[in-house]
Amino acid sequence: MSNSFYALVLAGGSGTRFWPLSRKSTPKQLLRLLNESTLLEETLHRLEGLLPPENILILTNEEQEEAVRQLLKKHPRENIYAEPAKRDTAAAIALGVGLIAARDSGASMAVLPADHLIRDRSALSESSRPGRVRDSVISRKARKLMDQATTCLKSCGSERNRPSI
């Protein structure tokens, strides 16, 4: 069994729920609402010290991909993906599972929306410890989903973003 642990940060969205501040090109996760950092940057700050940047994948959409890349210039470029089509949260997670499974089919993962406010970083750290998640029933079910997502990526993934599987 793999000891790898990844985070999938969901940073897409249509920019309609926080209107009039948010728009398609600048949804709430790209806004500086609480301080000098965007909600997406705050999400990555919470992961500092928990995971190396190469184990943090960011999934956005084509309309916001360039803005995310500009915002996160220090993040590994190969870890920022644009969904090939908008299909909501479950499909985005399935795509992320497939991307992680292509790197390590035995890896465990956490999914973090980029537009949430979490003030208690220590509670997040404790609940996200890889050993704690890896042994859970949810993790075993996620591995099955990884297998299904990998099969889907092999047959119907986006050529532009599809990893070598």
Protein backbone atom coordinates (compact mmCIF):
# COMPACT_ATOMS: atom_id res chain seq x y z
CA MET A 1 0.00 0.00 0.00
CA SER A 2 1.23 3.48 -0.89
CA ASN A 3 2.13 6.05 1.74
CA SER A 4 1.41 8.94 -0.62
CA PHE A 5 -1.13 11.54 0.36
CA TYR A 6 -2.49 14.25 -1.93
CA ALA A 7 -4.81 17.22 -1.72
CA LEU A 8 -7.20 18.11 -4.51
CA VAL A 9 -8.18 21.77 -4.35
CA LEU A 10 -11.40 22.53 -6.22
CA ALA A 11 -11.05 26.03 -7.65
CA GLY A 12 -13.65 26.20 -10.37
CA GLY A 13 -17.10 27.65 -10.35
CA SER A 14 -19.29 29.94 -12.36
CA GLY A 15 -18.90 33.11 -10.29
CA THR A 16 -22.63 33.56 -9.71
CA ARG A 17 -23.11 32.83 -6.00
CA PHE A 18 -21.24 35.87 -4.73
CA TRP A 19 -22.53 38.31 -7.32
CA PRO A 20 -21.98 41.23 -7.83
CA LEU A 21 -18.40 40.83 -6.58
CA SER A 22 -17.76 37.57 -8.38
CA ARG A 23 -17.93 36.96 -12.10
CA LYS A 24 -17.08 34.06 -14.42
CA SER A 25 -13.49 35.24 -14.69
CA THR A 26 -13.21 36.08 -10.98
CA PRO A 27 -15.28 33.73 -8.80
CA LYS A 28 -15.15 34.11 -5.03
CA GLN A 29 -12.05 31.91 -4.61
CA LEU A 30 -10.09 34.48 -6.65
CA LEU A 31 -11.31 37.45 -4.63
CA ARG A 32 -9.52 39.05 -1.68
CA LEU A 33 -12.44 39.09 0.73
CA LEU A 34 -10.93 38.68 4.20
CA ASN A 35 -7.37 39.98 3.90
CA GLU A 36 -4.66 40.47 1.29
CA SER A 37 -4.89 36.83 0.14
CA THR A 38 -7.53 35.26 -2.05
CA LEU A 39 -9.57 32.36 -0.71
CA LEU A 40 -7.57 30.05 -3.01
CA GLU A 41 -4.30 31.34 -1.56
CA GLU A 42 -5.70 30.87 1.96
CA THR A 43 -6.54 27.26 1.11
CA LEU A 44 -2.95 26.63 0.01
CA HIS A 45 -1.61 28.36 3.14
CA ARG A 46 -3.59 25.89 5.26
CA LEU A 47 -1.79 23.03 3.51
CA GLU A 48 1.70 24.42 4.14
CA GLY A 49 3.68 21.99 6.25
CA LEU A 50 1.12 19.23 5.70
CA LEU A 51 1.96 18.35 2.10
CA PRO A 52 4.67 19.26 -0.36
CA PRO A 53 3.44 21.45 -3.26
CA GLU A 54 3.97 18.57 -5.71
CA ASN A 55 1.23 16.66 -3.85
CA ILE A 56 -1.31 19.47 -4.14
CA LEU A 57 -3.38 19.43 -7.32
CA ILE A 58 -5.58 22.37 -8.24
CA LEU A 59 -8.57 21.84 -10.47
CA THR A 60 -10.17 24.88 -12.07
CA ASN A 61 -11.99 25.50 -15.34
CA GLU A 62 -10.79 26.80 -18.69
CA GLU A 63 -12.21 30.29 -18.10
CA GLN A 64 -10.25 30.70 -14.86
CA GLU A 65 -7.14 28.67 -15.62
CA GLU A 66 -4.96 31.61 -16.65
CA ALA A 67 -6.00 33.68 -13.62
CA VAL A 68 -5.21 30.75 -11.30
CA ARG A 69 -1.82 30.23 -12.96
CA GLN A 70 -1.02 33.95 -12.63
CA LEU A 71 -2.06 33.96 -8.98
CA LEU A 72 -0.10 30.81 -8.10
CA LYS A 73 3.12 31.41 -10.01
CA LYS A 74 5.17 29.47 -7.43
CA HIS A 75 2.92 26.40 -7.50
CA PRO A 76 4.07 23.59 -9.83
CA ARG A 77 2.50 24.33 -13.24
CA GLU A 78 1.94 20.64 -13.90
CA ASN A 79 -0.33 20.51 -10.83
CA ILE A 80 -2.86 23.04 -12.13
CA TYR A 81 -5.54 21.51 -14.34
CA ALA A 82 -8.54 22.88 -16.17
CA GLU A 83 -11.60 20.67 -16.37
CA PRO A 84 -12.32 19.68 -19.97
CA ALA A 85 -16.05 20.36 -19.37
CA LYS A 86 -18.14 21.74 -16.51
CA ARG A 87 -19.88 18.85 -14.79
CA ASP A 88 -20.13 20.04 -11.17
CA THR A 89 -18.43 18.80 -8.03
CA ALA A 90 -18.74 15.01 -8.27
CA ALA A 91 -17.26 14.92 -11.76
CA ALA A 92 -14.47 17.30 -10.73
CA ILE A 93 -13.58 15.03 -7.82
CA ALA A 94 -13.67 11.97 -10.09
CA LEU A 95 -11.29 13.71 -12.48
CA GLY A 96 -9.00 14.62 -9.58
CA VAL A 97 -9.08 11.03 -8.34
CA GLY A 98 -8.02 9.88 -11.79
CA LEU A 99 -5.20 12.42 -11.98
CA ILE A 100 -3.87 11.32 -8.60
CA ALA A 101 -4.32 7.62 -9.43
CA ALA A 102 -2.24 8.16 -12.57
CA ARG A 103 0.61 9.26 -10.30
CA ASP A 104 0.07 6.71 -7.55
CA SER A 105 -2.79 4.24 -7.68
CA GLY A 106 -2.54 3.53 -3.95
CA ALA A 107 -2.52 7.15 -2.79
CA SER A 108 -5.00 8.65 -0.38
CA MET A 109 -6.40 12.13 -0.83
CA ALA A 110 -8.32 14.97 0.70
CA VAL A 111 -10.64 17.26 -1.26
CA LEU A 112 -10.66 20.92 -0.31
CA PRO A 113 -12.94 23.54 -1.84
CA ALA A 114 -10.96 26.72 -2.50
CA ASP A 115 -13.78 29.00 -1.39
CA HIS A 116 -14.21 27.94 2.24
CA LEU A 117 -13.12 29.83 5.31
CA ILE A 118 -11.41 27.63 7.91
CA ARG A 119 -9.93 29.53 10.81
CA ASP A 120 -8.85 26.56 12.96
CA ARG A 121 -5.87 25.27 10.98
CA SER A 122 -4.83 22.86 13.75
CA ALA A 123 -8.19 21.07 13.60
CA LEU A 124 -7.81 20.74 9.84
CA SER A 125 -4.26 19.41 10.29
CA GLU A 126 -5.38 16.79 12.80
CA SER A 127 -8.35 15.60 10.74
CA SER A 128 -6.25 15.47 7.56
CA ARG A 129 -3.36 13.40 8.87
CA PRO A 130 -2.57 10.84 6.14
CA GLY A 131 -2.55 7.84 8.51
CA ARG A 132 -5.94 8.77 9.88
CA VAL A 133 -7.52 9.06 6.44
CA ARG A 134 -5.68 6.16 4.83
CA ASP A 135 -7.21 3.57 7.14
CA SER A 136 -10.77 4.78 6.81
CA VAL A 137 -13.65 3.14 4.99
CA ILE A 138 -14.00 6.30 2.93
CA SER A 139 -10.43 5.86 1.74
CA ARG A 140 -11.14 2.29 0.59
CA LYS A 141 -14.19 3.48 -1.31
CA ALA A 142 -12.11 6.28 -2.81
CA ARG A 143 -9.64 3.71 -4.16
CA LYS A 144 -12.50 2.02 -6.01
CA LEU A 145 -13.50 5.42 -7.40
CA MET A 146 -9.86 5.97 -8.43
CA ASP A 147 -9.96 2.77 -10.47
CA GLN A 148 -13.19 3.85 -12.17
CA ALA A 149 -11.90 7.38 -12.82
CA THR A 150 -8.65 6.05 -14.27
CA THR A 151 -10.62 3.86 -16.66
CA CYS A 152 -12.69 6.87 -17.68
CA LEU A 153 -9.59 9.01 -18.20
CA LYS A 154 -8.08 6.36 -20.43
CA SER A 155 -11.14 6.31 -22.64
CA CYS A 156 -12.65 9.80 -22.46
CA GLY A 157 -10.23 12.25 -20.79
CA SER A 158 -9.25 15.56 -22.26
CA GLU A 159 -6.25 15.25 -24.56
CA ARG A 160 -4.99 18.64 -23.37
CA ASN A 161 -4.92 17.79 -19.67
CA ARG A 162 -4.75 14.02 -19.70
CA PRO A 163 -1.72 12.61 -17.88
CA SER A 164 0.20 9.65 -19.23
CA ILE A 165 -1.48 6.58 -17.77
